[in-house]
All heavy atoms as atom14 arrays in JSON, in Angstrom:
{
  "sequence": "AGTAKIEGRPVAQALPRWQALGFADLCERALASAHELEEERFIAA",
  "atom14_mask": [
    [1, 1, 1, 1, 1, 0, 0, 0, 0, 0, 0, 0, 0, 0],
    [1, 1, 1, 1, 0, 0, 0, 0, 0, 0, 0, 0, 0, 0],
    [1, 1, 1, 1, 1, 1, 1, 0, 0, 0, 0, 0, 0, 0],
    [1, 1, 1, 1, 1, 0, 0, 0, 0, 0, 0, 0, 0, 0],
    [1, 1, 1, 1, 1, 1, 1, 1, 1, 0, 0, 0, 0, 0],
    [1, 1, 1, 1, 1, 1, 1, 1, 0, 0, 0, 0, 0, 0],
    [1, 1, 1, 1, 1, 1, 1, 1, 1, 0, 0, 0, 0, 0],
    [1, 1, 1, 1, 0, 0, 0, 0, 0, 0, 0, 0, 0, 0],
    [1, 1, 1, 1, 1, 1, 1, 1, 1, 1, 1, 0, 0, 0],
    [1, 1, 1, 1, 1, 1, 1, 0, 0, 0, 0, 0, 0, 0],
    [1, 1, 1, 1, 1, 1, 1, 0, 0, 0, 0, 0, 0, 0],
    [1, 1, 1, 1, 1, 0, 0, 0, 0, 0, 0, 0, 0, 0],
    [1, 1, 1, 1, 1, 1, 1, 1, 1, 0, 0, 0, 0, 0],
    [1, 1, 1, 1, 1, 0, 0, 0, 0, 0, 0, 0, 0, 0],
    [1, 1, 1, 1, 1, 1, 1, 1, 0, 0, 0, 0, 0, 0],
    [1, 1, 1, 1, 1, 1, 1, 0, 0, 0, 0, 0, 0, 0],
    [1, 1, 1, 1, 1, 1, 1, 1, 1, 1, 1, 0, 0, 0],
    [1, 1, 1, 1, 1, 1, 1, 1, 1, 1, 1, 1, 1, 1],
    [1, 1, 1, 1, 1, 1, 1, 1, 1, 0, 0, 0, 0, 0],
    [1, 1, 1, 1, 1, 0, 0, 0, 0, 0, 0, 0, 0, 0],
    [1, 1, 1, 1, 1, 1, 1, 1, 0, 0, 0, 0, 0, 0],
    [1, 1, 1, 1, 0, 0, 0, 0, 0, 0, 0, 0, 0, 0],
    [1, 1, 1, 1, 1, 1, 1, 1, 1, 1, 1, 0, 0, 0],
    [1, 1, 1, 1, 1, 0, 0, 0, 0, 0, 0, 0, 0, 0],
    [1, 1, 1, 1, 1, 1, 1, 1, 0, 0, 0, 0, 0, 0],
    [1, 1, 1, 1, 1, 1, 1, 1, 0, 0, 0, 0, 0, 0],
    [1, 1, 1, 1, 1, 1, 0, 0, 0, 0, 0, 0, 0, 0],
    [1, 1, 1, 1, 1, 1, 1, 1, 1, 0, 0, 0, 0, 0],
    [1, 1, 1, 1, 1, 1, 1, 1, 1, 1, 1, 0, 0, 0],
    [1, 1, 1, 1, 1, 0, 0, 0, 0, 0, 0, 0, 0, 0],
    [1, 1, 1, 1, 1, 1, 1, 1, 0, 0, 0, 0, 0, 0],
    [1, 1, 1, 1, 1, 0, 0, 0, 0, 0, 0, 0, 0, 0],
    [1, 1, 1, 1, 1, 1, 0, 0, 0, 0, 0, 0, 0, 0],
    [1, 1, 1, 1, 1, 0, 0, 0, 0, 0, 0, 0, 0, 0],
    [1, 1, 1, 1, 1, 1, 1, 1, 1, 1, 0, 0, 0, 0],
    [1, 1, 1, 1, 1, 1, 1, 1, 1, 0, 0, 0, 0, 0],
    [1, 1, 1, 1, 1, 1, 1, 1, 0, 0, 0, 0, 0, 0],
    [1, 1, 1, 1, 1, 1, 1, 1, 1, 0, 0, 0, 0, 0],
    [1, 1, 1, 1, 1, 1, 1, 1, 1, 0, 0, 0, 0, 0],
    [1, 1, 1, 1, 1, 1, 1, 1, 1, 0, 0, 0, 0, 0],
    [1, 1, 1, 1, 1, 1, 1, 1, 1, 1, 1, 0, 0, 0],
    [1, 1, 1, 1, 1, 1, 1, 1, 1, 1, 1, 0, 0, 0],
    [1, 1, 1, 1, 1, 1, 1, 1, 0, 0, 0, 0, 0, 0],
    [1, 1, 1, 1, 1, 0, 0, 0, 0, 0, 0, 0, 0, 0],
    [1, 1, 1, 1, 1, 0, 0, 0, 0, 0, 0, 0, 0, 0]
  ],
  "atom14_positions": [
    [[0.86, -1.19, 0.0], [0.0, 0.0, 0.0], [0.89, 1.23, 0.0], [2.05, 1.19, 0.43], [-0.91, 0.01, 1.21], [0.0, 0.0, 0.0], [0.0, 0.0, 0.0], [0.0, 0.0, 0.0], [0.0, 0.0, 0.0], [0.0, 0.0, 0.0], [0.0, 0.0, 0.0], [0.0, 0.0, 0.0], [0.0, 0.0, 0.0], [0.0, 0.0, 0.0]],
    [[0.35, 2.35, -0.47], [1.08, 3.6, -0.48], [1.02, 4.29, 0.88], [0.23, 3.94, 1.75], [0.0, 0.0, 0.0], [0.0, 0.0, 0.0], [0.0, 0.0, 0.0], [0.0, 0.0, 0.0], [0.0, 0.0, 0.0], [0.0, 0.0, 0.0], [0.0, 0.0, 0.0], [0.0, 0.0, 0.0], [0.0, 0.0, 0.0], [0.0, 0.0, 0.0]],
    [[1.87, 5.3, 1.02], [1.92, 6.04, 2.29], [0.57, 6.63, 2.64], [0.15, 6.62, 3.8], [2.97, 7.16, 2.2], [4.23, 6.61, 1.86], [3.07, 7.91, 3.51], [0.0, 0.0, 0.0], [0.0, 0.0, 0.0], [0.0, 0.0, 0.0], [0.0, 0.0, 0.0], [0.0, 0.0, 0.0], [0.0, 0.0, 0.0], [0.0, 0.0, 0.0]],
    [[-0.15, 7.16, 1.64], [-1.45, 7.8, 1.89], [-2.47, 6.83, 2.47], [-3.39, 7.24, 3.19], [-1.97, 8.42, 0.61], [0.0, 0.0, 0.0], [0.0, 0.0, 0.0], [0.0, 0.0, 0.0], [0.0, 0.0, 0.0], [0.0, 0.0, 0.0], [0.0, 0.0, 0.0], [0.0, 0.0, 0.0], [0.0, 0.0, 0.0], [0.0, 0.0, 0.0]],
    [[-2.36, 5.55, 2.15], [-3.31, 4.57, 2.65], [-2.96, 4.06, 4.05], [-3.73, 3.32, 4.65], [-3.38, 3.38, 1.69], [-3.98, 3.72, 0.33], [-4.08, 2.47, -0.53], [-4.71, 2.79, -1.89], [-4.84, 1.57, -2.72], [0.0, 0.0, 0.0], [0.0, 0.0, 0.0], [0.0, 0.0, 0.0], [0.0, 0.0, 0.0], [0.0, 0.0, 0.0]],
    [[-1.8, 4.43, 4.54], [-1.35, 3.92, 5.85], [-1.28, 5.04, 6.88], [-1.85, 4.92, 7.97], [0.03, 3.23, 5.71], [-0.09, 2.02, 4.78], [0.56, 2.81, 7.07], [1.23, 1.32, 4.53], [0.0, 0.0, 0.0], [0.0, 0.0, 0.0], [0.0, 0.0, 0.0], [0.0, 0.0, 0.0], [0.0, 0.0, 0.0], [0.0, 0.0, 0.0]],
    [[-0.6, 6.13, 6.55], [-0.4, 7.2, 7.52], [-1.71, 7.92, 7.81], [-2.53, 8.15, 6.91], [0.66, 8.18, 7.02], [2.04, 7.55, 6.93], [3.09, 8.54, 6.45], [2.7, 9.64, 6.03], [4.28, 8.21, 6.51], [0.0, 0.0, 0.0], [0.0, 0.0, 0.0], [0.0, 0.0, 0.0], [0.0, 0.0, 0.0], [0.0, 0.0, 0.0]],
    [[-1.9, 8.23, 9.1], [-3.11, 8.94, 9.52], [-4.32, 8.04, 9.72], [-5.43, 8.54, 9.94], [0.0, 0.0, 0.0], [0.0, 0.0, 0.0], [0.0, 0.0, 0.0], [0.0, 0.0, 0.0], [0.0, 0.0, 0.0], [0.0, 0.0, 0.0], [0.0, 0.0, 0.0], [0.0, 0.0, 0.0], [0.0, 0.0, 0.0], [0.0, 0.0, 0.0]],
    [[-4.15, 6.73, 9.66], [-5.26, 5.82, 9.83], [-4.97, 4.86, 10.99], [-3.8, 4.59, 11.31], [-5.48, 5.01, 8.55], [-5.74, 5.88, 7.33], [-5.86, 5.03, 6.07], [-7.02, 4.14, 6.13], [-7.25, 3.19, 5.21], [-6.42, 3.02, 4.22], [-8.33, 2.43, 5.33], [0.0, 0.0, 0.0], [0.0, 0.0, 0.0], [0.0, 0.0, 0.0]],
    [[-6.01, 4.32, 11.62], [-5.8, 3.34, 12.69], [-5.09, 2.1, 12.15], [-5.23, 1.74, 10.98], [-7.21, 3.0, 13.17], [-8.05, 4.15, 12.73], [-7.44, 4.65, 11.46], [0.0, 0.0, 0.0], [0.0, 0.0, 0.0], [0.0, 0.0, 0.0], [0.0, 0.0, 0.0], [0.0, 0.0, 0.0], [0.0, 0.0, 0.0], [0.0, 0.0, 0.0]],
    [[-4.34, 1.45, 13.04], [-3.59, 0.26, 12.63], [-4.51, -0.8, 12.06], [-4.2, -1.47, 11.08], [-2.79, -0.3, 13.84], [-2.19, -1.66, 13.5], [-1.69, 0.67, 14.25], [0.0, 0.0, 0.0], [0.0, 0.0, 0.0], [0.0, 0.0, 0.0], [0.0, 0.0, 0.0], [0.0, 0.0, 0.0], [0.0, 0.0, 0.0], [0.0, 0.0, 0.0]],
    [[-5.68, -0.98, 12.67], [-6.61, -2.02, 12.24], [-7.05, -1.82, 10.79], [-7.3, -2.78, 10.07], [-7.82, -2.07, 13.15], [0.0, 0.0, 0.0], [0.0, 0.0, 0.0], [0.0, 0.0, 0.0], [0.0, 0.0, 0.0], [0.0, 0.0, 0.0], [0.0, 0.0, 0.0], [0.0, 0.0, 0.0], [0.0, 0.0, 0.0], [0.0, 0.0, 0.0]],
    [[-7.16, -0.55, 10.37], [-7.57, -0.26, 9.0], [-6.39, -0.22, 8.04], [-6.46, -0.71, 6.91], [-8.31, 1.07, 8.94], [-9.6, 1.1, 9.75], [-10.25, 2.47, 9.71], [-9.9, 3.32, 8.9], [-11.2, 2.69, 10.6], [0.0, 0.0, 0.0], [0.0, 0.0, 0.0], [0.0, 0.0, 0.0], [0.0, 0.0, 0.0], [0.0, 0.0, 0.0]],
    [[-5.3, 0.37, 8.51], [-4.15, 0.57, 7.63], [-3.36, -0.72, 7.42], [-2.86, -0.97, 6.32], [-3.23, 1.65, 8.21], [0.0, 0.0, 0.0], [0.0, 0.0, 0.0], [0.0, 0.0, 0.0], [0.0, 0.0, 0.0], [0.0, 0.0, 0.0], [0.0, 0.0, 0.0], [0.0, 0.0, 0.0], [0.0, 0.0, 0.0], [0.0, 0.0, 0.0]],
    [[-3.26, -1.54, 8.44], [-2.44, -2.75, 8.36], [-3.21, -3.94, 8.92], [-2.81, -4.55, 9.92], [-1.13, -2.55, 9.15], [-0.27, -1.35, 8.75], [0.8, -1.09, 9.8], [0.38, -1.61, 7.38], [0.0, 0.0, 0.0], [0.0, 0.0, 0.0], [0.0, 0.0, 0.0], [0.0, 0.0, 0.0], [0.0, 0.0, 0.0], [0.0, 0.0, 0.0]],
    [[-4.33, -4.31, 8.3], [-5.16, -5.37, 8.88], [-4.45, -6.71, 9.0], [-4.61, -7.42, 9.99], [-6.35, -5.44, 7.91], [-5.85, -4.86, 6.62], [-4.88, -3.81, 7.02], [0.0, 0.0, 0.0], [0.0, 0.0, 0.0], [0.0, 0.0, 0.0], [0.0, 0.0, 0.0], [0.0, 0.0, 0.0], [0.0, 0.0, 0.0], [0.0, 0.0, 0.0]],
    [[-3.67, -7.09, 7.97], [-3.0, -8.39, 8.02], [-1.85, -8.41, 9.03], [-1.5, -9.47, 9.55], [-2.47, -8.75, 6.63], [-3.58, -9.0, 5.6], [-2.98, -9.21, 4.23], [-3.99, -9.53, 3.24], [-3.74, -9.64, 1.94], [-2.51, -9.45, 1.49], [-4.71, -9.95, 1.09], [0.0, 0.0, 0.0], [0.0, 0.0, 0.0], [0.0, 0.0, 0.0]],
    [[-1.28, -7.26, 9.26], [-0.09, -7.2, 10.12], [-0.43, -7.12, 11.59], [0.46, -7.13, 12.43], [0.78, -6.01, 9.7], [1.37, -6.25, 8.36], [0.8, -5.97, 7.15], [2.61, -6.88, 8.08], [1.61, -6.37, 6.13], [2.75, -6.93, 6.66], [3.64, -7.4, 8.86], [3.85, -7.48, 6.04], [4.75, -7.95, 8.23], [4.84, -7.98, 6.85]],
    [[-1.72, -7.04, 11.9], [-2.11, -7.06, 13.31], [-1.73, -8.38, 13.98], [-1.6, -8.47, 15.2], [-3.62, -6.85, 13.46], [-4.05, -5.42, 13.2], [-5.47, -5.18, 13.66], [-5.71, -4.58, 14.69], [-6.42, -5.69, 12.89], [0.0, 0.0, 0.0], [0.0, 0.0, 0.0], [0.0, 0.0, 0.0], [0.0, 0.0, 0.0], [0.0, 0.0, 0.0]],
    [[-1.54, -9.44, 13.14], [-1.18, -10.75, 13.69], [0.15, -10.7, 14.44], [0.41, -11.54, 15.3], [-1.11, -11.78, 12.56], [0.0, 0.0, 0.0], [0.0, 0.0, 0.0], [0.0, 0.0, 0.0], [0.0, 0.0, 0.0], [0.0, 0.0, 0.0], [0.0, 0.0, 0.0], [0.0, 0.0, 0.0], [0.0, 0.0, 0.0], [0.0, 0.0, 0.0]],
    [[1.0, -9.73, 14.11], [2.26, -9.6, 14.83], [2.08, -9.07, 16.24], [2.98, -9.16, 17.07], [3.22, -8.67, 14.06], [3.79, -9.23, 12.75], [4.64, -8.18, 12.05], [4.61, -10.48, 13.01], [0.0, 0.0, 0.0], [0.0, 0.0, 0.0], [0.0, 0.0, 0.0], [0.0, 0.0, 0.0], [0.0, 0.0, 0.0], [0.0, 0.0, 0.0]],
    [[0.91, -8.49, 16.52], [0.61, -8.03, 17.87], [1.45, -6.88, 18.35], [1.69, -6.74, 19.55], [0.0, 0.0, 0.0], [0.0, 0.0, 0.0], [0.0, 0.0, 0.0], [0.0, 0.0, 0.0], [0.0, 0.0, 0.0], [0.0, 0.0, 0.0], [0.0, 0.0, 0.0], [0.0, 0.0, 0.0], [0.0, 0.0, 0.0], [0.0, 0.0, 0.0]],
    [[1.91, -6.01, 17.43], [2.76, -4.92, 17.91], [1.97, -3.85, 18.66], [2.55, -3.08, 19.42], [3.6, -4.3, 16.78], [2.83, -3.93, 15.55], [2.04, -2.8, 15.51], [2.92, -4.7, 14.41], [1.35, -2.45, 14.36], [2.24, -4.35, 13.26], [1.45, -3.23, 13.23], [0.0, 0.0, 0.0], [0.0, 0.0, 0.0], [0.0, 0.0, 0.0]],
    [[0.65, -3.78, 18.46], [-0.14, -2.82, 19.24], [-0.11, -3.19, 20.72], [0.07, -2.34, 21.59], [-1.58, -2.8, 18.72], [0.0, 0.0, 0.0], [0.0, 0.0, 0.0], [0.0, 0.0, 0.0], [0.0, 0.0, 0.0], [0.0, 0.0, 0.0], [0.0, 0.0, 0.0], [0.0, 0.0, 0.0], [0.0, 0.0, 0.0], [0.0, 0.0, 0.0]],
    [[-0.26, -4.49, 21.0], [-0.18, -4.96, 22.39], [1.21, -4.72, 22.95], [1.37, -4.31, 24.11], [-0.52, -6.45, 22.44], [-0.23, -7.06, 23.8], [-0.9, -6.68, 24.77], [0.68, -7.92, 23.88], [0.0, 0.0, 0.0], [0.0, 0.0, 0.0], [0.0, 0.0, 0.0], [0.0, 0.0, 0.0], [0.0, 0.0, 0.0], [0.0, 0.0, 0.0]],
    [[2.24, -4.94, 22.12], [3.61, -4.72, 22.58], [3.84, -3.25, 22.88], [4.54, -2.89, 23.84], [4.58, -5.2, 21.51], [6.02, -5.51, 21.96], [6.03, -6.61, 23.0], [6.88, -5.9, 20.77], [0.0, 0.0, 0.0], [0.0, 0.0, 0.0], [0.0, 0.0, 0.0], [0.0, 0.0, 0.0], [0.0, 0.0, 0.0], [0.0, 0.0, 0.0]],
    [[3.23, -2.35, 22.08], [3.35, -0.91, 22.34], [2.7, -0.53, 23.66], [3.24, 0.3, 24.42], [2.72, -0.12, 21.19], [3.67, -0.15, 19.65], [0.0, 0.0, 0.0], [0.0, 0.0, 0.0], [0.0, 0.0, 0.0], [0.0, 0.0, 0.0], [0.0, 0.0, 0.0], [0.0, 0.0, 0.0], [0.0, 0.0, 0.0], [0.0, 0.0, 0.0]],
    [[1.53, -1.1, 23.96], [0.87, -0.83, 25.23], [1.78, -1.2, 26.4], [1.92, -0.45, 27.37], [-0.45, -1.61, 25.32], [-1.54, -1.14, 24.36], [-2.22, 0.14, 24.82], [-1.86, 0.65, 25.91], [-3.09, 0.63, 24.09], [0.0, 0.0, 0.0], [0.0, 0.0, 0.0], [0.0, 0.0, 0.0], [0.0, 0.0, 0.0], [0.0, 0.0, 0.0]],
    [[2.39, -2.37, 26.3], [3.26, -2.81, 27.37], [4.52, -1.96, 27.47], [5.02, -1.69, 28.56], [3.63, -4.27, 27.15], [2.47, -5.23, 27.41], [2.67, -6.59, 26.76], [4.0, -7.12, 26.98], [4.58, -8.02, 26.22], [3.93, -8.49, 25.16], [5.79, -8.47, 26.49], [0.0, 0.0, 0.0], [0.0, 0.0, 0.0], [0.0, 0.0, 0.0]],
    [[5.05, -1.52, 26.32], [6.24, -0.67, 26.33], [5.95, 0.67, 26.98], [6.76, 1.19, 27.78], [6.76, -0.47, 24.9], [0.0, 0.0, 0.0], [0.0, 0.0, 0.0], [0.0, 0.0, 0.0], [0.0, 0.0, 0.0], [0.0, 0.0, 0.0], [0.0, 0.0, 0.0], [0.0, 0.0, 0.0], [0.0, 0.0, 0.0], [0.0, 0.0, 0.0]],
    [[4.77, 1.25, 26.66], [4.4, 2.52, 27.3], [4.18, 2.35, 28.8], [4.58, 3.19, 29.6], [3.13, 3.07, 26.65], [3.29, 3.96, 25.41], [1.94, 4.48, 24.97], [4.24, 5.12, 25.69], [0.0, 0.0, 0.0], [0.0, 0.0, 0.0], [0.0, 0.0, 0.0], [0.0, 0.0, 0.0], [0.0, 0.0, 0.0], [0.0, 0.0, 0.0]],
    [[3.53, 1.25, 29.15], [3.24, 1.02, 30.58], [4.53, 0.85, 31.39], [4.63, 1.31, 32.53], [2.35, -0.21, 30.75], [0.0, 0.0, 0.0], [0.0, 0.0, 0.0], [0.0, 0.0, 0.0], [0.0, 0.0, 0.0], [0.0, 0.0, 0.0], [0.0, 0.0, 0.0], [0.0, 0.0, 0.0], [0.0, 0.0, 0.0], [0.0, 0.0, 0.0]],
    [[5.52, 0.19, 30.8], [6.77, -0.06, 31.52], [7.8, 1.04, 31.32], [8.81, 1.07, 32.02], [7.37, -1.39, 31.06], [7.74, -1.33, 29.69], [0.0, 0.0, 0.0], [0.0, 0.0, 0.0], [0.0, 0.0, 0.0], [0.0, 0.0, 0.0], [0.0, 0.0, 0.0], [0.0, 0.0, 0.0], [0.0, 0.0, 0.0], [0.0, 0.0, 0.0]],
    [[7.55, 1.92, 30.34], [8.48, 3.01, 30.01], [9.84, 2.47, 29.59], [10.87, 3.09, 29.8], [8.63, 3.98, 31.19], [0.0, 0.0, 0.0], [0.0, 0.0, 0.0], [0.0, 0.0, 0.0], [0.0, 0.0, 0.0], [0.0, 0.0, 0.0], [0.0, 0.0, 0.0], [0.0, 0.0, 0.0], [0.0, 0.0, 0.0], [0.0, 0.0, 0.0]],
    [[9.84, 1.29, 29.01], [11.08, 0.68, 28.5], [10.8, 0.05, 27.13], [9.69, -0.42, 26.87], [11.6, -0.4, 29.45], [12.19, 0.14, 30.71], [11.42, 0.38, 31.82], [13.45, 0.51, 31.03], [12.19, 0.87, 32.79], [13.43, 0.95, 32.33], [0.0, 0.0, 0.0], [0.0, 0.0, 0.0], [0.0, 0.0, 0.0], [0.0, 0.0, 0.0]],
    [[11.84, 0.04, 26.31], [11.67, -0.6, 25.02], [11.55, -2.11, 25.19], [12.12, -2.69, 26.12], [12.83, -0.27, 24.07], [14.18, -0.79, 24.51], [14.97, 0.26, 25.27], [14.37, 1.15, 25.9], [16.21, 0.18, 25.23], [0.0, 0.0, 0.0], [0.0, 0.0, 0.0], [0.0, 0.0, 0.0], [0.0, 0.0, 0.0], [0.0, 0.0, 0.0]],
    [[10.79, -2.72, 24.3], [10.57, -4.16, 24.33], [10.87, -4.73, 22.95], [10.68, -4.06, 21.93], [9.13, -4.5, 24.72], [8.66, -4.07, 26.12], [7.18, -4.39, 26.29], [9.47, -4.76, 27.2], [0.0, 0.0, 0.0], [0.0, 0.0, 0.0], [0.0, 0.0, 0.0], [0.0, 0.0, 0.0], [0.0, 0.0, 0.0], [0.0, 0.0, 0.0]],
    [[11.3, -5.98, 22.92], [11.57, -6.64, 21.65], [11.2, -8.11, 21.78], [11.65, -8.78, 22.71], [13.03, -6.49, 21.24], [13.31, -7.03, 19.85], [14.68, -6.61, 19.33], [15.47, -6.05, 20.12], [14.96, -6.83, 18.13], [0.0, 0.0, 0.0], [0.0, 0.0, 0.0], [0.0, 0.0, 0.0], [0.0, 0.0, 0.0], [0.0, 0.0, 0.0]],
    [[10.38, -8.6, 20.86], [9.95, -9.99, 20.87], [9.93, -10.51, 19.44], [9.81, -9.74, 18.48], [8.55, -10.14, 21.49], [8.5, -9.78, 22.97], [7.12, -10.0, 23.56], [6.21, -10.46, 22.84], [6.94, -9.7, 24.76], [0.0, 0.0, 0.0], [0.0, 0.0, 0.0], [0.0, 0.0, 0.0], [0.0, 0.0, 0.0], [0.0, 0.0, 0.0]],
    [[10.02, -11.84, 19.34], [9.95, -12.48, 18.03], [8.52, -12.96, 17.79], [7.92, -13.59, 18.65], [10.93, -13.65, 17.95], [12.38, -13.22, 18.03], [13.34, -14.39, 17.98], [12.86, -15.55, 17.95], [14.57, -14.16, 17.97], [0.0, 0.0, 0.0], [0.0, 0.0, 0.0], [0.0, 0.0, 0.0], [0.0, 0.0, 0.0], [0.0, 0.0, 0.0]],
    [[7.98, -12.62, 16.61], [6.6, -12.99, 16.27], [6.56, -13.62, 14.88], [7.39, -13.3, 14.02], [5.69, -11.76, 16.3], [5.65, -11.01, 17.64], [4.87, -11.79, 18.68], [4.87, -11.15, 19.98], [4.02, -10.19, 20.36], [3.08, -9.77, 19.52], [4.08, -9.69, 21.57], [0.0, 0.0, 0.0], [0.0, 0.0, 0.0], [0.0, 0.0, 0.0]],
    [[5.57, -14.49, 14.66], [5.4, -15.17, 13.37], [4.11, -14.7, 12.72], [3.08, -14.57, 13.39], [5.37, -16.69, 13.57], [5.23, -17.45, 12.3], [6.33, -17.65, 11.47], [4.01, -17.98, 11.91], [6.23, -18.37, 10.28], [3.88, -18.7, 10.72], [5.0, -18.89, 9.91], [0.0, 0.0, 0.0], [0.0, 0.0, 0.0], [0.0, 0.0, 0.0]],
    [[4.16, -14.43, 11.41], [2.96, -14.05, 10.68], [2.74, -15.08, 9.58], [3.67, -15.5, 8.88], [3.08, -12.63, 10.07], [1.77, -12.22, 9.41], [4.24, -12.52, 9.12], [1.72, -10.75, 9.02], [0.0, 0.0, 0.0], [0.0, 0.0, 0.0], [0.0, 0.0, 0.0], [0.0, 0.0, 0.0], [0.0, 0.0, 0.0], [0.0, 0.0, 0.0]],
    [[1.49, -15.53, 9.47], [1.17, -16.59, 8.51], [1.34, -16.1, 7.08], [1.44, -14.9, 6.81], [-0.26, -17.08, 8.74], [0.0, 0.0, 0.0], [0.0, 0.0, 0.0], [0.0, 0.0, 0.0], [0.0, 0.0, 0.0], [0.0, 0.0, 0.0], [0.0, 0.0, 0.0], [0.0, 0.0, 0.0], [0.0, 0.0, 0.0], [0.0, 0.0, 0.0]],
    [[1.32, -17.06, 6.14], [1.57, -16.75, 4.74], [0.47, -15.89, 4.15], [-0.7, -16.04, 4.46], [1.68, -18.05, 3.94], [0.0, 0.0, 0.0], [0.0, 0.0, 0.0], [0.0, 0.0, 0.0], [0.0, 0.0, 0.0], [0.0, 0.0, 0.0], [0.0, 0.0, 0.0], [0.0, 0.0, 0.0], [0.0, 0.0, 0.0], [0.0, 0.0, 0.0]]
  ]
}
């Protein structure tokens, strides 16, 4: 997708397939802990 279809839109709309990586949940935890987090995730074909 182009930049216009991604920027300025909610993650669920802009990146529906990529929600499987769960980075929104990881962001919530990073904000709550005030520390960066890094995890390995798998996305289906």
